[in-house]
Structures are given as C-alpha cells and as structure tokens.
Amino acid sequence: MQRLSHEFKVGLFVLVALVLVVGSYLWSFDGVRPNEDSYTLRMTVGSADGLFPGTPVRIAGVEVGSIEQIAIEGDHAALLLRVREAYKLPVDSTGQLKATGLLGDYFVRLYPGTEDDLLEDGDTIRTRDAPGDIDTITRNLEAISDDIAAMTKVLREVVEDRNNREHAEATLANIDALTLEVRLLAERNRGEIDAIVDSVRRLSEALEGYTRDIADDVDEELDKVKDLTDDLDRAAEDLASITGKVDRGEGTIGALINDRETVDNLNRTVKDAGDGIRSIFGLRPEFYYTGRFYMGTQPTDLEKFPTGNELAWSGANTIGLRLRGKEDFWYLFELVDHPQGKISQRTVYSEQTGQLETRWIRTRGYRITFMVEKRWGPASLRLGLKEDGGGVGATFYAVRDRLQIGADVFAFAFGSFPAVEEAGIPNTRVFVRYEPWRNVFFEAGAEQILLGAKNGFFTGFLGVGFYFRDNNLRGALTAVPLGSL
C-alpha cells in the first residue's frame, strides 16, 4: 500500500482538530432547535440581570422553550421567547422571572390562562410583577433590623425607669390580692355552688326521660327506612337478572355484545381508521435541494486512473424529501444527479483471452437514496440505501441545529471507483454544514477519502442548498391570492 503524502496527513489532522474544537465548544448548547416547530412571544421585564440567550422558559417546571434574543426597550428589557409549537398558550397567559433559589439562576415562568383564543407568533405576553431580588430582601431586612433595635431601646428605657418598675410591682401585688379575694369568695359561697351543680344534674335527668319518650317514634321511622332498603335490594336483583341475560347472549342486545366476530370487526374498523389518520396526518414533510461543486488533486498513479480524478471539477445535484413521524425519527428520500452516473457490473466473454471478464459499465442516470434516521440528543444515526448502495451515516448537531458535522460510508459492493479496485473501497464522505439564515445552508467536505488516501489524491467539495418544511409551504399557500389560481 502506498504511503500517505505529508500534505494529506497535515490536512487531515487540521480537519479533525477543527471538528473536535468546534464540537467541544458548542456541546453545551441548550434550547429550541431550528428544525423544531416553534413560535415566538415578546415579553418586557424591568431588568435582564441574570438572563442570557438560551435561558430556559418553563411551564410548571417543564422546559418548553428558551430566550432567543434580549434587547433594550426604553428603560426596560425586551425578551424574545421561542416556545415549542406543542405548547400553545391562551391570550390571557402571563410570564414572570423566577429564580431556582435565593442565589440561583433565573428562568422565565409562564402561567397559562383560560381563554379559548391562543397567542400567535410574535404576540406579546403580559408580565407579572417581578419577585423581590436579593438586594430588595437585604434592604427589607435592614429596615426590620432597625425597627427591632428601636423597639429594644424603648423596652430597655421602660424597664430601667424606676417609676415603671414601681408600677409593675404594684400591679403584681394587686393580682395577688385579687387571687386571695376569689379564693375567700369561693369558700364563703360553697353551699350555693353545690346547689347550682345539683340543679344541672336534675336537668340532665329530665332530658334523659324525654329521650326515652321519643325513642318509640324513632323506631317507627327506622322501620320505614328498612322497608325502603328492601325495595332497593329487589331492584338490584332485577338489574342483575337483566345483565345476566345480556352476558349469556339472550335477547338482541346480548347477541350483539356477545358476538365475538361483530366485536372484532368493530375493533378492526376503529384501528384501521386510526392507522389511516396517522398515515395521512402523522408525517411532516421537508423538501430540500443541495448543489455541490467538486475540486481536488490528481492521482499519483495515473496508470490506474488514465483519465485522472474524474470527480474533480464537476458538479452534483440532490433533491430530497424528509418525512418526520416524530421529532427524533424520520425517513429520507433522495434523487442524486451524480457526475459518475450509475455504475453497474457486467460479465462478458473476451475473444482475445478466451475467458470471462468483469467490466464496469457507467451510464447516465440518477442515484436513489432511501434511509431511516434516528436521533439521540445532539447526534443521529441513519441506515439504508445510499446512492444505489448500502450505507450508514451519522450527524452531530450544534448551535441550535444550525451547525451539522456528519459522515456517510456507502457503496460497499462496488466502492468509490470500481474500475480501479476489483473488491471495491466504499465511498467515505465527510461534511460540515452551516445554516446562516433560516432555510438556507452552506456546506464543505471531502469525497472518496479512503480511495484518495490509498492512491495519493484528494477530492473536496463546496455546496449550497435550501429547504422548506410543511409550515413554510402552508404559509406560502396562504399568501397566494385566490384570484391568481
């Protein structure tokens, strides 16, 4: 195997180092990703201390968005909140700045209202009174401390004053005298107190006799209640008899409920209807286009590459459709107009050698991609058919999904350039994609890395593209006048 050139090693090292630095720097990003359905709300607060773009927006402790932008509006701070589409808020909803603790970070707490009308994209949400910060609490504590000190001073003056002490001693003496008078009064009137207790006892005995007299009437009312209970028991027995007949399949209702085939048909009908609704409305489409321009160096072994690097200084076009069943799972369909066209293998008989030979046929045509992709946090993995060959790929997302770093390995059967390698070296493609504006992106990367490393050449590309999601298409259609259709 031919040794790699020094320039190629340096370039590969720099590319890997750049990817690692960018990835580690952007790893801590949190917030609403651009590819998520969301809407914006405006909110005005007195101060933006402790707030920054990316500060969480929560409802009942659940994070539903983040602060996207902070601006000055007079002597207040204007916040632009980005909230996920799944959390629509009534028009009477309110927002408030909250802190995770006494000295903790701040976040925006949303309080949903009760109105039927909902806030739309760009609306302003009413702000509640902000809670007291640590400076306000400190000032209040200082005022309370001053009040306590003043009260302590007054109490000290009252206690230390001789006249006040004499008055307190006289009051205690009067209380002792009053207690003595009450004890003497109770001893002198003990007979009268006993008479009062006796009168209360006789009254209790009279009430007990009255209770015995009305007991017979109470028994009669209890008998009526018992008769009513017996009637309810008989009604319950009749109801049990009816339900028993239904359970045994007696009567029209019983036959319908106990017919297993009828129930199964009904269940299948409901399930088919649900599946049909989900299949029609459950997938959200995203259409996109990518155009690439390839460039690079020539192979060092031109005997294997008599025409040089055929991919360099050419272009490719890709039209794709992404169908999202969930936020973290989607299907990819692509139609690629590749400069090398479609490559196929054909075995023919050679009259010169008298043997069967393998020939690689390249024809003008479109390559097809169909893959499924699953996302876990900031990374995703895809698997399926990549440009007419089996392939796998992965993508790392950062900067609210505006920066993507990915790689694809595909064409395991024929390889990048099957006319050179009989066994085939799979095509290895790496790319870095950045979205400076919504719905528009740029990309740069390298193609046929393994093949180029083995044969001493490098193929890179620059690309530009755009995409439209279902909400963009709905917005465009609603903006078209009916008279022009």
Protein backbone atom coordinates (compact mmCIF):
# COMPACT_ATOMS: atom_id res chain seq x y z
CA MET A 1 0.00 0.00 0.00
CA GLN A 2 1.41 3.43 -0.95
CA ARG A 3 2.35 5.75 1.94
CA LEU A 4 0.23 8.82 2.52
CA SER A 5 1.71 12.13 1.45
CA HIS A 6 2.87 14.57 4.10
CA GLU A 7 0.46 17.27 2.89
CA PHE A 8 -2.50 14.94 3.11
CA LYS A 9 -1.62 13.92 6.68
CA VAL A 10 -1.33 17.56 7.75
CA GLY A 11 -4.63 18.48 6.13
CA LEU A 12 -6.44 15.52 7.70
CA PHE A 13 -5.01 16.37 11.13
CA VAL A 14 -6.13 20.01 10.85
CA LEU A 15 -9.66 18.96 9.75
CA VAL A 16 -10.03 16.53 12.69
CA ALA A 17 -8.67 19.12 15.17
CA LEU A 18 -11.12 21.75 13.84
CA VAL A 19 -14.08 19.38 14.19
CA LEU A 20 -13.07 18.49 17.77
CA VAL A 21 -12.63 22.13 18.82
CA VAL A 22 -15.93 23.26 17.29
CA GLY A 23 -17.79 20.26 18.74
CA SER A 24 -16.40 20.71 22.27
CA TYR A 25 -17.09 24.44 22.21
CA LEU A 26 -20.71 24.03 21.11
CA TRP A 27 -21.57 20.90 23.11
CA SER A 28 -23.23 22.82 25.97
CA PHE A 29 -25.90 24.41 23.77
CA ASP A 30 -29.46 24.12 25.02
CA GLY A 31 -32.73 25.49 23.73
CA VAL A 32 -35.23 25.11 20.90
CA ARG A 33 -33.68 23.68 17.76
CA PRO A 34 -34.46 25.40 14.44
CA ASN A 35 -35.85 22.19 12.98
CA GLU A 36 -38.44 22.04 15.77
CA ASP A 37 -41.86 23.60 15.19
CA SER A 38 -41.98 26.69 17.40
CA TYR A 39 -43.27 30.24 17.66
CA THR A 40 -42.04 33.45 19.30
CA LEU A 41 -43.52 35.61 22.07
CA ARG A 42 -42.42 39.03 23.28
CA MET A 43 -42.12 39.89 26.98
CA THR A 44 -40.96 43.07 28.75
CA VAL A 45 -39.19 42.98 32.13
CA GLY A 46 -37.67 45.66 34.33
CA SER A 47 -34.19 44.16 34.32
CA ALA A 48 -32.40 41.42 32.37
CA ASP A 49 -29.84 40.73 35.10
CA GLY A 50 -29.06 37.01 35.19
CA LEU A 51 -30.68 36.40 31.76
CA PHE A 52 -28.97 35.44 28.51
CA PRO A 53 -29.91 33.89 25.13
CA GLY A 54 -30.64 30.25 25.88
CA THR A 55 -32.14 30.90 29.36
CA PRO A 56 -34.91 28.26 29.84
CA VAL A 57 -38.62 29.04 29.52
CA ARG A 58 -40.73 26.72 31.69
CA ILE A 59 -44.35 25.85 32.48
CA ALA A 60 -44.90 24.12 35.85
CA GLY A 61 -41.22 23.11 35.94
CA VAL A 62 -41.23 21.65 32.38
CA GLU A 63 -38.88 23.32 29.89
CA VAL A 64 -40.90 24.41 26.82
CA GLY A 65 -38.51 26.86 25.17
CA SER A 66 -35.75 29.40 25.71
CA ILE A 67 -34.88 33.08 25.39
CA GLU A 68 -33.74 33.75 21.83
CA GLN A 69 -32.90 37.46 22.00
CA ILE A 70 -32.56 40.26 24.58
CA ALA A 71 -32.91 43.93 23.56
CA ILE A 72 -33.32 47.33 25.22
CA GLU A 73 -36.74 48.98 25.01
CA GLY A 74 -36.65 52.35 26.79
CA ASP A 75 -35.70 51.71 30.42
CA HIS A 76 -36.88 48.09 30.23
CA ALA A 77 -35.50 44.88 28.72
CA ALA A 78 -37.42 43.28 25.81
CA LEU A 79 -37.20 39.49 25.68
CA LEU A 80 -37.92 37.38 22.58
CA LEU A 81 -39.08 33.95 23.74
CA ARG A 82 -39.11 30.91 21.43
CA VAL A 83 -41.69 28.32 22.57
CA ARG A 84 -42.25 24.85 21.11
CA GLU A 85 -45.36 24.59 18.91
CA ALA A 86 -46.83 21.83 21.12
CA TYR A 87 -47.32 24.33 23.98
CA LYS A 88 -49.84 26.87 22.70
CA LEU A 89 -50.90 29.48 25.28
CA PRO A 90 -54.22 31.33 25.73
CA VAL A 91 -54.20 35.09 25.17
CA ASP A 92 -54.64 35.82 28.91
CA SER A 93 -51.46 33.93 29.85
CA THR A 94 -48.76 35.71 31.85
CA GLY A 95 -45.00 35.41 32.39
CA GLN A 96 -42.69 36.12 35.30
CA LEU A 97 -38.96 35.96 36.06
CA LYS A 98 -38.19 33.30 38.65
CA ALA A 99 -35.00 32.11 40.33
CA THR A 100 -34.08 28.48 41.03
CA GLY A 101 -33.01 29.52 44.56
CA LEU A 102 -32.10 32.53 46.65
CA LEU A 103 -28.85 32.92 44.69
CA GLY A 104 -29.70 30.59 41.77
CA ASP A 105 -30.01 31.23 38.03
CA TYR A 106 -33.08 32.95 36.62
CA PHE A 107 -35.61 31.49 34.18
CA VAL A 108 -38.92 32.61 32.62
CA ARG A 109 -42.02 31.04 34.23
CA LEU A 110 -45.15 31.01 32.03
CA TYR A 111 -48.65 30.80 33.57
CA PRO A 112 -51.24 29.55 31.02
CA GLY A 113 -54.55 31.38 31.01
CA THR A 114 -58.11 30.14 30.48
CA GLU A 115 -59.29 31.93 27.32
CA ASP A 116 -60.16 29.98 24.15
CA ASP A 117 -58.17 32.27 21.83
CA LEU A 118 -54.44 31.43 21.60
CA LEU A 119 -51.36 33.61 21.30
CA GLU A 120 -49.90 33.74 17.78
CA ASP A 121 -46.32 34.06 16.58
CA GLY A 122 -44.91 37.49 17.54
CA ASP A 123 -47.61 38.35 20.13
CA THR A 124 -46.74 39.98 23.46
CA ILE A 125 -47.41 38.11 26.71
CA ARG A 126 -48.32 40.13 29.84
CA THR A 127 -45.65 40.26 32.55
CA ARG A 128 -46.45 39.64 36.19
CA ASP A 129 -44.83 41.68 38.97
CA ALA A 130 -41.26 40.51 39.37
CA PRO A 131 -40.41 38.77 42.68
CA GLY A 132 -38.07 40.53 45.08
CA ASP A 133 -34.40 40.06 44.34
CA ILE A 134 -31.60 39.66 46.87
CA ASP A 135 -30.98 43.44 47.04
CA THR A 136 -34.65 44.14 47.88
CA ILE A 137 -34.66 41.41 50.52
CA THR A 138 -31.47 42.81 52.04
CA ARG A 139 -32.96 46.30 52.22
CA ASN A 140 -36.13 44.94 53.87
CA LEU A 141 -34.08 43.02 56.42
CA GLU A 142 -32.11 46.14 57.21
CA ALA A 143 -35.37 48.08 57.81
CA ILE A 144 -36.73 45.30 60.05
CA SER A 145 -33.45 45.23 61.97
CA ASP A 146 -33.70 48.99 62.55
CA ASP A 147 -37.29 48.58 63.84
CA ILE A 148 -36.25 45.79 66.22
CA ALA A 149 -33.39 47.90 67.51
CA ALA A 150 -35.78 50.81 68.15
CA MET A 151 -38.27 48.56 69.97
CA THR A 152 -35.45 47.08 72.08
CA LYS A 153 -34.33 50.59 73.03
CA VAL A 154 -37.87 51.55 74.09
CA LEU A 155 -38.26 48.37 76.15
CA ARG A 156 -34.89 48.95 77.81
CA GLU A 157 -35.93 52.50 78.74
CA VAL A 158 -39.27 51.27 80.11
CA VAL A 159 -37.65 48.54 82.20
CA GLU A 160 -34.83 50.72 83.53
CA ASP A 161 -37.22 53.54 84.60
CA ARG A 162 -37.77 53.40 88.40
CA ASN A 163 -41.39 54.61 88.24
CA ASN A 164 -42.26 51.88 85.74
CA ARG A 165 -40.70 49.23 87.98
CA GLU A 166 -42.73 50.50 90.96
CA HIS A 167 -45.93 50.40 88.87
CA ALA A 168 -45.18 46.80 87.74
CA GLU A 169 -44.56 45.72 91.36
CA ALA A 170 -47.84 47.34 92.44
CA THR A 171 -49.71 45.55 89.61
CA LEU A 172 -48.34 42.18 90.70
CA ALA A 173 -49.35 42.91 94.30
CA ASN A 174 -52.89 43.75 93.14
CA ILE A 175 -53.07 40.46 91.22
CA ASP A 176 -52.06 38.52 94.35
CA ALA A 177 -54.73 40.35 96.38
CA LEU A 178 -57.38 39.63 93.72
CA THR A 179 -56.49 35.93 93.72
CA LEU A 180 -56.89 35.84 97.53
CA GLU A 181 -60.31 37.53 97.31
CA VAL A 182 -61.54 34.97 94.74
CA ARG A 183 -60.44 32.06 96.95
CA LEU A 184 -62.23 33.55 100.01
CA LEU A 185 -65.39 34.20 97.92
CA ALA A 186 -65.46 30.56 96.75
CA GLU A 187 -65.13 29.31 100.33
CA ARG A 188 -67.94 31.56 101.60
CA ASN A 189 -70.38 30.51 98.79
CA ARG A 190 -69.58 26.80 98.60
CA GLY A 191 -73.22 25.89 99.54
CA GLU A 192 -74.67 27.93 96.69
CA ILE A 193 -72.21 26.42 94.20
CA ASP A 194 -73.28 22.91 95.30
CA ALA A 195 -76.96 23.87 94.75
CA ILE A 196 -76.17 25.02 91.18
CA VAL A 197 -74.43 21.70 90.44
CA ASP A 198 -77.46 19.80 91.78
CA SER A 199 -79.80 21.79 89.53
CA VAL A 200 -77.72 20.88 86.48
CA ARG A 201 -77.89 17.20 87.45
CA ARG A 202 -81.71 17.27 87.72
CA LEU A 203 -81.92 18.97 84.29
CA SER A 204 -79.84 16.17 82.75
CA GLU A 205 -82.16 13.52 84.24
CA ALA A 206 -85.21 15.31 82.76
CA LEU A 207 -83.60 15.34 79.31
CA GLU A 208 -82.87 11.62 79.56
CA GLY A 209 -86.55 10.90 80.30
CA TYR A 210 -87.63 12.92 77.30
CA THR A 211 -85.27 10.92 75.11
CA ARG A 212 -86.86 7.65 76.25
CA ASP A 213 -90.32 9.02 75.40
CA ILE A 214 -89.41 9.78 71.77
CA ALA A 215 -87.49 6.54 71.26
CA ASP A 216 -90.66 4.78 70.05
CA ASP A 217 -91.14 7.37 67.31
CA VAL A 218 -87.54 6.92 66.21
CA ASP A 219 -88.04 3.12 65.96
CA GLU A 220 -91.04 3.67 63.69
CA GLU A 221 -89.01 5.85 61.31
CA LEU A 222 -86.24 3.22 61.24
CA ASP A 223 -88.82 0.59 60.19
CA LYS A 224 -89.76 2.79 57.21
CA VAL A 225 -86.12 3.13 56.22
CA LYS A 226 -85.77 -0.68 56.36
CA ASP A 227 -88.74 -1.14 54.01
CA LEU A 228 -87.16 1.29 51.54
CA THR A 229 -83.90 -0.66 51.71
CA ASP A 230 -85.73 -3.90 50.90
CA ASP A 231 -87.26 -2.26 47.80
CA LEU A 232 -83.79 -1.18 46.65
CA ASP A 233 -82.49 -4.74 47.14
CA ARG A 234 -85.27 -6.15 44.92
CA ALA A 235 -84.48 -3.54 42.23
CA ALA A 236 -80.82 -4.55 42.33
CA GLU A 237 -81.78 -8.22 41.89
CA ASP A 238 -83.87 -7.32 38.81
CA LEU A 239 -80.92 -5.39 37.35
CA ALA A 240 -78.60 -8.34 37.98
CA SER A 241 -81.05 -10.61 36.15
CA ILE A 242 -81.08 -8.30 33.12
CA THR A 243 -77.28 -8.08 32.97
CA GLY A 244 -77.06 -11.86 33.33
CA LYS A 245 -79.27 -12.36 30.29
CA VAL A 246 -77.14 -9.92 28.29
CA ASP A 247 -73.97 -11.74 29.35
CA ARG A 248 -75.43 -15.09 28.29
CA GLY A 249 -76.32 -13.67 24.86
CA GLU A 250 -80.08 -13.70 25.40
CA GLY A 251 -82.04 -11.07 23.51
CA THR A 252 -80.93 -8.68 20.73
CA ILE A 253 -78.54 -6.62 22.86
CA GLY A 254 -76.98 -9.73 24.37
CA ALA A 255 -76.45 -11.34 20.96
CA LEU A 256 -74.77 -8.19 19.63
CA ILE A 257 -72.45 -7.76 22.60
CA ASN A 258 -71.51 -11.46 22.86
CA ASP A 259 -70.90 -11.96 19.11
CA ARG A 260 -67.11 -12.15 19.00
CA GLU A 261 -66.95 -11.59 15.25
CA THR A 262 -69.00 -8.38 15.49
CA VAL A 263 -66.79 -7.03 18.26
CA ASP A 264 -63.61 -7.96 16.34
CA ASN A 265 -64.89 -6.29 13.16
CA LEU A 266 -65.73 -3.15 15.11
CA ASN A 267 -62.27 -3.11 16.73
CA ARG A 268 -60.55 -3.64 13.37
CA THR A 269 -62.58 -0.84 11.80
CA VAL A 270 -61.60 1.58 14.58
CA LYS A 271 -57.94 0.52 14.37
CA ASP A 272 -57.86 0.83 10.55
CA ALA A 273 -59.40 4.29 10.77
CA GLY A 274 -56.83 5.35 13.36
CA ASP A 275 -53.95 3.94 11.29
CA GLY A 276 -55.22 5.72 8.20
CA ILE A 277 -55.46 9.05 10.00
CA ARG A 278 -51.96 8.64 11.41
CA SER A 279 -50.56 7.64 8.00
CA ILE A 280 -52.05 10.76 6.36
CA PHE A 281 -51.51 13.37 9.05
CA GLY A 282 -48.74 11.84 11.17
CA LEU A 283 -45.79 12.58 8.84
CA ARG A 284 -44.48 16.10 8.37
CA PRO A 285 -42.65 16.66 5.06
CA GLU A 286 -39.49 18.67 4.45
CA PHE A 287 -38.29 19.29 0.88
CA TYR A 288 -34.68 20.28 0.26
CA TYR A 289 -32.13 20.80 -2.54
CA THR A 290 -28.32 20.58 -2.37
CA GLY A 291 -25.87 21.56 -5.13
CA ARG A 292 -22.19 20.55 -4.81
CA PHE A 293 -19.09 21.54 -6.78
CA TYR A 294 -16.17 19.09 -6.60
CA MET A 295 -12.49 20.01 -6.76
CA GLY A 296 -9.23 18.24 -5.93
CA THR A 297 -5.81 16.92 -6.87
CA GLN A 298 -4.79 14.29 -9.46
CA PRO A 299 -3.88 10.69 -8.53
CA THR A 300 -0.17 9.90 -8.29
CA ASP A 301 -0.70 6.54 -10.07
CA LEU A 302 -2.15 7.58 -13.42
CA GLU A 303 -1.90 4.06 -14.81
CA LYS A 304 -4.87 3.11 -12.65
CA PHE A 305 -6.55 6.45 -13.39
CA PRO A 306 -5.85 7.09 -17.08
CA THR A 307 -8.30 9.99 -17.10
CA GLY A 308 -7.24 11.39 -13.72
CA ASN A 309 -9.63 12.37 -10.94
CA GLU A 310 -12.90 12.23 -12.89
CA LEU A 311 -14.98 13.52 -10.00
CA ALA A 312 -12.99 16.73 -9.55
CA TRP A 313 -14.11 19.95 -11.26
CA SER A 314 -17.66 18.70 -11.74
CA GLY A 315 -21.00 19.20 -10.01
CA ALA A 316 -23.80 17.16 -8.42
CA ASN A 317 -27.44 17.98 -7.66
CA THR A 318 -29.57 16.38 -4.94
CA ILE A 319 -33.33 16.70 -4.46
CA GLY A 320 -34.59 15.23 -1.18
CA LEU A 321 -37.68 14.65 0.90
CA ARG A 322 -37.56 14.14 4.67
CA LEU A 323 -40.71 12.72 6.31
CA ARG A 324 -40.87 13.12 10.08
CA GLY A 325 -43.03 10.70 12.03
CA LYS A 326 -41.61 12.00 15.32
CA GLU A 327 -39.23 14.76 16.36
CA ASP A 328 -36.41 12.22 16.70
CA PHE A 329 -37.22 9.83 13.81
CA TRP A 330 -37.62 10.41 10.07
CA TYR A 331 -37.38 8.86 6.58
CA LEU A 332 -35.01 10.19 3.88
CA PHE A 333 -35.70 10.03 0.12
CA GLU A 334 -33.14 11.48 -2.33
CA LEU A 335 -32.66 11.67 -6.09
CA VAL A 336 -29.00 12.42 -6.94
CA ASP A 337 -27.63 13.57 -10.31
CA HIS A 338 -24.03 12.38 -9.74
CA PRO A 339 -21.17 13.13 -12.20
CA GLN A 340 -20.12 9.46 -12.27
CA GLY A 341 -23.66 8.38 -13.08
CA LYS A 342 -24.91 4.87 -12.30
CA ILE A 343 -22.24 2.14 -12.06
CA SER A 344 -23.13 -1.49 -12.78
CA GLN A 345 -21.16 -4.72 -13.23
CA ARG A 346 -21.32 -6.96 -16.32
CA THR A 347 -19.55 -10.24 -17.12
CA VAL A 348 -18.64 -10.66 -20.82
CA TYR A 349 -16.68 -13.17 -22.90
CA SER A 350 -13.35 -11.88 -24.27
CA GLU A 351 -12.41 -13.29 -27.68
CA GLN A 352 -8.78 -12.22 -27.15
CA THR A 353 -8.23 -14.15 -23.91
CA GLY A 354 -10.98 -16.71 -24.34
CA GLN A 355 -12.13 -16.07 -20.76
CA LEU A 356 -14.95 -14.33 -18.96
CA GLU A 357 -14.06 -10.82 -17.85
CA THR A 358 -15.73 -8.39 -15.47
CA ARG A 359 -16.43 -4.98 -16.89
CA TRP A 360 -17.78 -1.91 -15.11
CA ILE A 361 -20.46 -0.08 -17.01
CA ARG A 362 -21.17 3.56 -16.21
CA THR A 363 -24.35 5.07 -17.60
CA ARG A 364 -26.07 8.42 -17.27
CA GLY A 365 -28.76 8.19 -14.61
CA TYR A 366 -29.96 9.23 -11.21
CA ARG A 367 -28.88 7.57 -7.97
CA ILE A 368 -31.56 6.82 -5.37
CA THR A 369 -31.33 7.12 -1.58
CA PHE A 370 -33.78 5.74 0.98
CA MET A 371 -32.70 5.74 4.62
CA VAL A 372 -34.21 5.86 8.09
CA GLU A 373 -32.65 8.16 10.69
CA LYS A 374 -32.96 8.21 14.48
CA ARG A 375 -31.74 11.00 16.74
CA TRP A 376 -30.45 10.80 20.33
CA GLY A 377 -29.77 14.19 21.86
CA PRO A 378 -27.22 16.12 19.71
CA ALA A 379 -26.40 13.15 17.43
CA SER A 380 -28.28 10.99 14.91
CA LEU A 381 -27.63 7.69 13.10
CA ARG A 382 -29.02 6.70 9.68
CA LEU A 383 -29.11 3.39 7.83
CA GLY A 384 -30.39 2.17 4.47
CA LEU A 385 -29.82 2.66 0.72
CA LYS A 386 -27.36 5.48 -0.03
CA GLU A 387 -26.95 6.44 -3.73
CA ASP A 388 -27.84 2.97 -5.03
CA GLY A 389 -25.67 1.14 -2.44
CA GLY A 390 -25.93 0.10 1.17
CA GLY A 391 -24.76 2.75 3.57
CA VAL A 392 -24.62 4.11 7.13
CA GLY A 393 -24.13 7.66 8.38
CA ALA A 394 -24.09 9.86 11.46
CA THR A 395 -24.54 13.58 12.15
CA PHE A 396 -23.67 15.76 15.15
CA TYR A 397 -25.85 18.88 15.71
CA ALA A 398 -24.82 22.11 17.48
CA VAL A 399 -25.67 25.83 17.65
CA ARG A 400 -29.41 25.10 17.78
CA ASP A 401 -29.00 22.65 14.87
CA ARG A 402 -27.61 25.39 12.61
CA LEU A 403 -24.22 23.62 12.57
CA GLN A 404 -24.05 19.98 11.43
CA ILE A 405 -20.97 17.76 11.23
CA GLY A 406 -21.60 14.42 9.53
CA ALA A 407 -20.16 11.44 7.73
CA ASP A 408 -21.50 8.75 5.37
CA VAL A 409 -19.97 5.42 4.33
CA PHE A 410 -21.75 3.74 1.39
CA ALA A 411 -21.39 1.72 -1.83
CA PHE A 412 -19.85 -1.29 -0.07
CA ALA A 413 -20.43 -3.59 -3.07
CA PHE A 414 -18.92 -1.57 -5.95
CA GLY A 415 -16.96 1.04 -3.99
CA SER A 416 -15.98 4.58 -4.91
CA PHE A 417 -14.25 3.69 -8.18
CA PRO A 418 -14.79 0.00 -9.00
CA ALA A 419 -12.78 0.15 -12.20
CA VAL A 420 -9.66 0.62 -10.05
CA GLU A 421 -10.34 -1.72 -7.14
CA GLU A 422 -11.93 -5.04 -8.00
CA ALA A 423 -13.02 -5.62 -4.39
CA GLY A 424 -14.30 -2.06 -4.09
CA ILE A 425 -13.37 0.55 -1.48
CA PRO A 426 -16.55 2.10 -0.04
CA ASN A 427 -17.10 5.77 -0.59
CA THR A 428 -16.39 7.78 2.57
CA ARG A 429 -17.86 11.29 2.67
CA VAL A 430 -17.49 13.85 5.48
CA PHE A 431 -19.13 17.27 5.55
CA VAL A 432 -19.66 20.38 7.68
CA ARG A 433 -22.92 22.23 7.07
CA TYR A 434 -23.89 25.65 8.47
CA GLU A 435 -27.21 27.50 8.22
CA PRO A 436 -26.55 31.29 8.41
CA TRP A 437 -30.16 32.13 7.53
CA ARG A 438 -33.34 30.19 8.03
CA ASN A 439 -33.99 27.68 5.24
CA VAL A 440 -30.57 28.31 3.55
CA PHE A 441 -27.34 26.42 4.27
CA PHE A 442 -23.75 26.09 3.03
CA GLU A 443 -21.50 23.07 3.29
CA ALA A 444 -17.95 21.88 2.70
CA GLY A 445 -16.44 18.42 2.82
CA ALA A 446 -14.45 15.65 1.21
CA GLU A 447 -15.40 12.68 -1.02
CA GLN A 448 -13.76 9.27 -1.65
CA ILE A 449 -11.45 9.73 1.34
CA LEU A 450 -10.31 6.10 1.66
CA LEU A 451 -9.69 5.69 -2.06
CA GLY A 452 -7.86 9.01 -2.26
CA ALA A 453 -5.67 8.16 0.73
CA LYS A 454 -4.62 4.90 -0.89
CA ASN A 455 -3.87 6.33 -4.35
CA GLY A 456 -2.50 9.74 -3.44
CA PHE A 457 -5.19 12.25 -4.36
CA PHE A 458 -7.80 14.39 -2.59
CA THR A 459 -11.37 15.28 -3.63
CA GLY A 460 -13.20 18.06 -1.80
CA PHE A 461 -16.47 19.88 -2.45
CA LEU A 462 -18.36 23.07 -1.65
CA GLY A 463 -22.14 23.13 -1.60
CA VAL A 464 -25.19 25.32 -1.10
CA GLY A 465 -28.81 24.35 -0.51
CA PHE A 466 -32.20 25.29 0.84
CA TYR A 467 -35.17 23.52 2.38
CA PHE A 468 -38.90 24.05 3.01
CA ARG A 469 -40.91 22.43 5.78
CA ASP A 470 -44.66 21.84 5.89
CA ASN A 471 -45.28 25.03 7.87
CA ASN A 472 -43.29 27.05 5.26
CA LEU A 473 -45.42 25.55 2.47
CA ARG A 474 -48.65 26.29 4.34
CA GLY A 475 -47.52 29.88 4.84
CA ALA A 476 -46.66 30.24 1.16
CA LEU A 477 -50.00 28.82 0.05
CA THR A 478 -51.98 31.10 2.36
CA ALA A 479 -50.08 34.10 0.94
CA VAL A 480 -51.10 33.31 -2.68
CA PRO A 481 -54.21 35.30 -3.79
CA LEU A 482 -57.09 33.11 -4.82
CA GLY A 483 -57.54 35.15 -7.97
CA SER A 484 -54.15 34.04 -9.31
CA LEU A 485 -55.02 30.32 -9.15
